[in-house]
């Protein structure tokens, strides 16, 4: 996949509420994740993949085995982080 450095990263209010519910050990990984994501949101270490069905148009990437982030890529490489959590975010 072609590398893409986000021009800007926006956070939905839902994302900000959900991030508070992430366990401590997972939160430690978020710093590492963010550093990689800001350089290239399609970096292979993030396992970024396009979603389909009712989530068509969204992308997901992995923070850890348990934690996923759901996001959209908008115009001019503006990325909006929509949700964070387990695989339940796909429901």
N, C-alpha and C. Protein backbone atom coordinates (compact mmCIF):
# COMPACT_ATOMS: atom_id res chain seq x y z
N UNK A 1 0.84 -1.17 0.00
CA UNK A 1 0.00 0.00 0.00
C UNK A 1 0.89 1.24 0.00
N UNK A 2 0.46 2.25 -0.70
CA UNK A 2 1.22 3.49 -0.83
C UNK A 2 1.26 4.23 0.52
N UNK A 3 2.45 4.66 0.95
CA UNK A 3 2.55 5.40 2.23
C UNK A 3 1.72 6.68 2.21
N UNK A 4 1.11 7.01 3.34
CA UNK A 4 0.29 8.21 3.42
C UNK A 4 0.48 8.86 4.79
N UNK A 5 1.09 10.01 4.78
CA UNK A 5 1.28 10.78 6.02
C UNK A 5 0.05 11.68 6.19
N UNK A 6 -0.70 11.51 7.29
CA UNK A 6 -1.87 12.36 7.50
C UNK A 6 -1.46 13.83 7.62
N UNK A 7 -2.19 14.68 6.90
CA UNK A 7 -1.95 16.12 6.99
C UNK A 7 -2.43 16.63 8.34
N UNK A 8 -3.55 16.08 8.78
CA UNK A 8 -4.16 16.47 10.06
C UNK A 8 -4.89 15.26 10.62
N UNK A 9 -4.90 15.11 11.94
CA UNK A 9 -5.64 14.04 12.59
C UNK A 9 -6.70 14.66 13.49
N UNK A 10 -7.95 14.29 13.24
CA UNK A 10 -9.08 14.77 14.04
C UNK A 10 -9.59 13.62 14.89
N UNK A 11 -10.18 13.94 16.03
CA UNK A 11 -10.71 12.94 16.95
C UNK A 11 -12.18 13.23 17.20
N UNK A 12 -13.04 12.22 17.02
CA UNK A 12 -14.45 12.42 17.34
C UNK A 12 -14.62 12.40 18.85
N UNK A 13 -15.73 12.96 19.33
CA UNK A 13 -15.99 12.95 20.78
C UNK A 13 -16.16 11.51 21.26
N UNK A 14 -16.74 10.66 20.42
CA UNK A 14 -16.90 9.25 20.78
C UNK A 14 -15.53 8.59 20.98
N UNK A 15 -14.60 8.84 20.08
CA UNK A 15 -13.25 8.29 20.20
C UNK A 15 -12.61 8.74 21.52
N UNK A 16 -12.72 10.01 21.84
CA UNK A 16 -12.11 10.54 23.07
C UNK A 16 -12.72 9.92 24.32
N UNK A 17 -14.03 9.62 24.28
CA UNK A 17 -14.67 8.95 25.42
C UNK A 17 -14.20 7.50 25.53
N UNK A 18 -14.11 6.82 24.40
CA UNK A 18 -13.73 5.41 24.39
C UNK A 18 -12.28 5.20 24.81
N UNK A 19 -11.41 6.14 24.48
CA UNK A 19 -9.99 5.98 24.80
C UNK A 19 -9.77 5.95 26.32
N UNK A 20 -10.67 6.59 27.05
CA UNK A 20 -10.57 6.59 28.52
C UNK A 20 -10.84 5.21 29.10
N UNK A 21 -11.54 4.35 28.34
CA UNK A 21 -11.90 3.02 28.81
C UNK A 21 -10.83 1.97 28.51
N UNK A 22 -9.81 2.35 27.77
CA UNK A 22 -8.75 1.41 27.39
C UNK A 22 -7.89 1.09 28.63
N UNK A 23 -7.59 -0.20 28.88
CA UNK A 23 -6.77 -0.57 30.04
C UNK A 23 -5.37 0.05 29.97
N UNK A 24 -4.74 0.21 31.13
CA UNK A 24 -3.44 0.86 31.26
C UNK A 24 -2.35 0.32 30.35
N UNK A 25 -2.23 -1.02 30.28
CA UNK A 25 -1.16 -1.60 29.46
C UNK A 25 -1.38 -1.30 27.97
N UNK A 26 -2.63 -1.20 27.56
CA UNK A 26 -2.94 -0.88 26.17
C UNK A 26 -2.66 0.60 25.89
N UNK A 27 -2.92 1.45 26.88
CA UNK A 27 -2.66 2.89 26.71
C UNK A 27 -1.18 3.17 26.46
N UNK A 28 -0.32 2.36 27.07
CA UNK A 28 1.12 2.53 26.86
C UNK A 28 1.49 2.32 25.39
N UNK A 29 0.78 1.41 24.74
CA UNK A 29 1.05 1.12 23.33
C UNK A 29 0.55 2.23 22.41
N UNK A 30 -0.39 3.05 22.90
CA UNK A 30 -0.95 4.11 22.07
C UNK A 30 0.10 5.14 21.66
N UNK A 31 1.05 5.44 22.52
CA UNK A 31 2.11 6.39 22.19
C UNK A 31 2.94 5.90 21.01
N UNK A 32 3.32 4.63 21.06
CA UNK A 32 4.09 4.03 19.97
C UNK A 32 3.25 4.01 18.69
N UNK A 33 1.97 3.62 18.84
CA UNK A 33 1.06 3.60 17.70
C UNK A 33 0.96 4.98 17.05
N UNK A 34 0.76 6.01 17.88
CA UNK A 34 0.57 7.36 17.34
C UNK A 34 1.80 7.84 16.56
N UNK A 35 2.96 7.52 17.06
CA UNK A 35 4.20 7.92 16.38
C UNK A 35 4.26 7.31 14.98
N UNK A 36 3.95 6.03 14.89
CA UNK A 36 3.96 5.34 13.59
C UNK A 36 2.85 5.89 12.71
N UNK A 37 1.64 6.03 13.27
CA UNK A 37 0.47 6.48 12.52
C UNK A 37 0.69 7.87 11.92
N UNK A 38 1.30 8.77 12.67
CA UNK A 38 1.55 10.13 12.18
C UNK A 38 2.54 10.15 11.01
N UNK A 39 3.42 9.17 10.94
CA UNK A 39 4.37 9.07 9.83
C UNK A 39 3.74 8.44 8.60
N UNK A 40 2.94 7.38 8.82
CA UNK A 40 2.31 6.65 7.72
C UNK A 40 1.18 5.81 8.28
N UNK A 41 -0.06 6.21 8.01
CA UNK A 41 -1.20 5.48 8.58
C UNK A 41 -1.41 4.11 7.91
N UNK A 42 -0.64 3.83 6.85
CA UNK A 42 -0.72 2.52 6.20
C UNK A 42 0.53 1.69 6.44
N UNK A 43 1.32 2.04 7.44
CA UNK A 43 2.52 1.29 7.80
C UNK A 43 2.11 -0.17 8.09
N UNK A 44 2.89 -1.11 7.58
CA UNK A 44 2.53 -2.53 7.72
C UNK A 44 2.46 -2.98 9.19
N UNK A 45 3.16 -2.32 10.09
CA UNK A 45 3.11 -2.68 11.52
C UNK A 45 1.74 -2.41 12.12
N UNK A 46 0.95 -1.54 11.50
CA UNK A 46 -0.38 -1.21 12.01
C UNK A 46 -1.46 -2.15 11.48
N UNK A 47 -1.12 -2.95 10.48
CA UNK A 47 -2.08 -3.88 9.86
C UNK A 47 -3.35 -3.16 9.42
N UNK A 48 -3.17 -2.02 8.78
CA UNK A 48 -4.30 -1.22 8.31
C UNK A 48 -5.03 -1.97 7.20
N UNK A 49 -6.35 -1.98 7.28
CA UNK A 49 -7.16 -2.64 6.26
C UNK A 49 -8.47 -1.89 6.05
N UNK A 50 -8.95 -1.96 4.82
CA UNK A 50 -10.20 -1.30 4.45
C UNK A 50 -11.36 -2.17 4.91
N UNK A 51 -12.41 -1.53 5.36
CA UNK A 51 -13.59 -2.26 5.82
C UNK A 51 -14.66 -2.26 4.73
N UNK A 52 -15.59 -3.18 4.86
CA UNK A 52 -16.67 -3.28 3.87
C UNK A 52 -18.00 -3.41 4.58
N UNK A 53 -19.05 -3.58 3.81
CA UNK A 53 -20.38 -3.71 4.39
C UNK A 53 -20.86 -2.39 4.96
N UNK A 54 -21.43 -2.43 6.17
CA UNK A 54 -21.96 -1.20 6.76
C UNK A 54 -20.85 -0.21 7.13
N UNK A 55 -19.61 -0.68 7.17
CA UNK A 55 -18.47 0.20 7.48
C UNK A 55 -17.66 0.54 6.23
N UNK A 56 -18.28 0.39 5.07
CA UNK A 56 -17.62 0.73 3.81
C UNK A 56 -17.17 2.19 3.85
N UNK A 57 -15.95 2.44 3.44
CA UNK A 57 -15.41 3.80 3.47
C UNK A 57 -14.55 4.06 4.70
N UNK A 58 -14.58 3.14 5.65
CA UNK A 58 -13.76 3.25 6.86
C UNK A 58 -12.55 2.33 6.74
N UNK A 59 -11.56 2.63 7.55
CA UNK A 59 -10.36 1.81 7.66
C UNK A 59 -10.20 1.41 9.12
N UNK A 60 -9.48 0.33 9.37
CA UNK A 60 -9.17 -0.09 10.74
C UNK A 60 -7.69 -0.44 10.80
N UNK A 61 -7.11 -0.23 11.96
CA UNK A 61 -5.72 -0.62 12.18
C UNK A 61 -5.58 -1.14 13.60
N UNK A 62 -4.50 -1.84 13.85
CA UNK A 62 -4.28 -2.49 15.14
C UNK A 62 -3.31 -1.71 16.01
N UNK A 63 -3.72 -1.52 17.25
CA UNK A 63 -2.82 -0.97 18.27
C UNK A 63 -2.12 -2.16 18.94
N UNK A 64 -2.89 -3.22 19.16
CA UNK A 64 -2.40 -4.46 19.75
C UNK A 64 -3.30 -5.58 19.25
N UNK A 65 -3.08 -6.78 19.75
CA UNK A 65 -3.91 -7.91 19.35
C UNK A 65 -5.38 -7.65 19.69
N UNK A 66 -5.63 -7.00 20.82
CA UNK A 66 -7.01 -6.77 21.29
C UNK A 66 -7.61 -5.45 20.82
N UNK A 67 -6.80 -4.45 20.58
CA UNK A 67 -7.31 -3.10 20.37
C UNK A 67 -7.18 -2.65 18.92
N UNK A 68 -8.30 -2.16 18.39
CA UNK A 68 -8.37 -1.66 17.02
C UNK A 68 -8.79 -0.19 17.03
N UNK A 69 -8.41 0.52 15.98
CA UNK A 69 -8.87 1.89 15.78
C UNK A 69 -9.57 1.97 14.44
N UNK A 70 -10.74 2.57 14.46
CA UNK A 70 -11.56 2.77 13.27
C UNK A 70 -11.39 4.22 12.83
N UNK A 71 -11.06 4.44 11.55
CA UNK A 71 -10.84 5.80 11.08
C UNK A 71 -11.28 6.00 9.64
N UNK A 72 -11.39 7.26 9.26
CA UNK A 72 -11.73 7.65 7.89
C UNK A 72 -10.61 8.52 7.35
N UNK A 73 -10.37 8.40 6.06
CA UNK A 73 -9.42 9.28 5.38
C UNK A 73 -10.25 10.21 4.51
N UNK A 74 -10.16 11.50 4.79
CA UNK A 74 -10.94 12.49 4.05
C UNK A 74 -10.11 13.21 3.02
N UNK A 75 -10.67 14.28 2.56
CA UNK A 75 -10.03 15.12 1.56
C UNK A 75 -8.70 15.66 2.08
N UNK A 76 -7.73 15.77 1.20
CA UNK A 76 -6.41 16.33 1.53
C UNK A 76 -5.70 15.58 2.66
N UNK A 77 -5.91 14.27 2.74
CA UNK A 77 -5.25 13.42 3.75
C UNK A 77 -5.56 13.83 5.19
N UNK A 78 -6.76 14.31 5.43
CA UNK A 78 -7.22 14.59 6.79
C UNK A 78 -7.84 13.29 7.32
N UNK A 79 -7.32 12.80 8.43
CA UNK A 79 -7.76 11.54 9.01
C UNK A 79 -8.60 11.82 10.25
N UNK A 80 -9.76 11.15 10.35
CA UNK A 80 -10.62 11.27 11.53
C UNK A 80 -10.65 9.94 12.25
N UNK A 81 -10.20 9.92 13.51
CA UNK A 81 -10.26 8.72 14.33
C UNK A 81 -11.65 8.66 14.95
N UNK A 82 -12.41 7.60 14.63
CA UNK A 82 -13.80 7.49 15.02
C UNK A 82 -14.07 6.63 16.25
N UNK A 83 -13.32 5.54 16.39
CA UNK A 83 -13.60 4.61 17.50
C UNK A 83 -12.34 3.83 17.84
N UNK A 84 -12.28 3.36 19.06
CA UNK A 84 -11.18 2.52 19.52
C UNK A 84 -11.77 1.47 20.46
N UNK A 85 -11.27 0.24 20.35
CA UNK A 85 -11.74 -0.82 21.22
C UNK A 85 -11.41 -2.18 20.65
N UNK A 86 -12.12 -3.19 21.13
CA UNK A 86 -11.91 -4.56 20.66
C UNK A 86 -12.60 -4.74 19.31
N UNK A 87 -12.68 -5.96 18.84
CA UNK A 87 -13.36 -6.23 17.57
C UNK A 87 -14.83 -5.81 17.60
N UNK A 88 -15.36 -5.54 18.78
CA UNK A 88 -16.76 -5.09 18.89
C UNK A 88 -17.00 -3.77 18.18
N UNK A 89 -15.97 -3.00 17.89
CA UNK A 89 -16.17 -1.72 17.20
C UNK A 89 -16.69 -1.93 15.79
N UNK A 90 -16.55 -3.16 15.26
CA UNK A 90 -17.03 -3.45 13.91
C UNK A 90 -18.53 -3.71 13.88
N UNK A 91 -19.14 -3.85 15.03
CA UNK A 91 -20.58 -4.17 15.08
C UNK A 91 -21.43 -2.94 14.99
